[in-house]
Amino acid sequence: MKYENLMLRSLFVACLLVCTLVLGAMLKSFPAPAGMASSGTVANALLASPAQCALPADGVICPRQPG
């Protein structure tokens, strides 16, 4: 019984450690668009965006481009 208790306790500690590390990484990470919006200009944002819609242009999801 002590062996099973030790195994369950160590598994709990390992899972708690992994969850803490993942949560800490999610809270401390800064995505690229947030960094660009805080220190970039509108011209940089327009140059970084795609010229065409990545999804199929069905008129509902992506607006139709003129021409």
Protein backbone atom coordinates (compact mmCIF):
# COMPACT_ATOMS: atom_id res chain seq x y z
CA MET A 1 0.00 0.00 0.00
CA LYS A 2 2.85 2.41 0.70
CA TYR A 3 4.30 1.83 -2.78
CA GLU A 4 1.01 2.71 -4.49
CA ASN A 5 0.59 5.76 -2.26
CA LEU A 6 4.11 6.94 -3.13
CA MET A 7 3.48 6.42 -6.85
CA LEU A 8 0.18 8.33 -6.76
CA ARG A 9 1.70 11.16 -4.76
CA SER A 10 4.65 11.48 -7.15
CA LEU A 11 2.29 11.42 -10.15
CA PHE A 12 0.22 14.17 -8.56
CA VAL A 13 3.33 16.29 -7.95
CA ALA A 14 4.55 15.72 -11.52
CA CYS A 15 1.16 16.70 -12.99
CA LEU A 16 0.98 19.76 -10.77
CA LEU A 17 4.46 20.82 -11.87
CA VAL A 18 3.62 20.40 -15.55
CA CYS A 19 0.37 22.35 -15.20
CA THR A 20 2.17 25.14 -13.36
CA LEU A 21 4.86 25.37 -16.02
CA VAL A 22 2.31 25.45 -18.86
CA LEU A 23 0.21 28.10 -17.13
CA GLY A 24 3.29 30.19 -16.44
CA ALA A 25 4.39 29.94 -20.06
CA MET A 26 0.94 31.02 -21.26
CA LEU A 27 0.84 34.00 -18.94
CA LYS A 28 4.35 35.23 -19.72
CA SER A 29 4.28 34.83 -23.51
CA PHE A 30 3.62 37.79 -25.77
CA PRO A 31 2.25 36.96 -29.22
CA ALA A 32 3.75 38.64 -32.27
CA PRO A 33 0.69 40.81 -33.13
CA ALA A 34 0.66 42.32 -29.63
CA GLY A 35 4.32 43.23 -29.89
CA MET A 36 3.86 44.68 -33.35
CA ALA A 37 0.84 46.74 -32.31
CA SER A 38 2.65 48.27 -29.38
CA SER A 39 5.83 49.30 -31.18
CA GLY A 40 4.96 49.40 -34.89
CA THR A 41 3.23 51.77 -37.25
CA VAL A 42 0.18 51.31 -39.42
CA ALA A 43 2.38 50.88 -42.51
CA ASN A 44 4.22 47.98 -40.88
CA ALA A 45 0.92 46.35 -39.95
CA LEU A 46 -0.40 46.69 -43.50
CA LEU A 47 2.79 45.27 -44.98
CA ALA A 48 2.63 42.29 -42.63
CA SER A 49 -0.98 41.44 -43.50
CA PRO A 50 -1.69 39.24 -46.53
CA ALA A 51 -2.89 40.93 -49.70
CA GLN A 52 -5.59 38.33 -50.30
CA CYS A 53 -7.86 36.39 -48.02
CA ALA A 54 -6.41 33.04 -46.96
CA LEU A 55 -9.90 31.49 -46.93
CA PRO A 56 -11.94 30.88 -50.09
CA ALA A 57 -13.70 34.05 -51.20
CA ASP A 58 -17.34 32.99 -50.94
CA GLY A 59 -18.62 36.46 -50.20
CA VAL A 60 -19.53 35.61 -46.60
CA ILE A 61 -16.24 34.97 -44.84
CA CYS A 62 -13.89 37.02 -47.00
CA PRO A 63 -14.97 40.18 -48.81
CA ARG A 64 -14.53 40.08 -52.57
CA GLN A 65 -11.54 42.03 -53.84
CA PRO A 66 -12.26 44.54 -56.62
CA GLY A 67 -10.88 43.63 -60.02
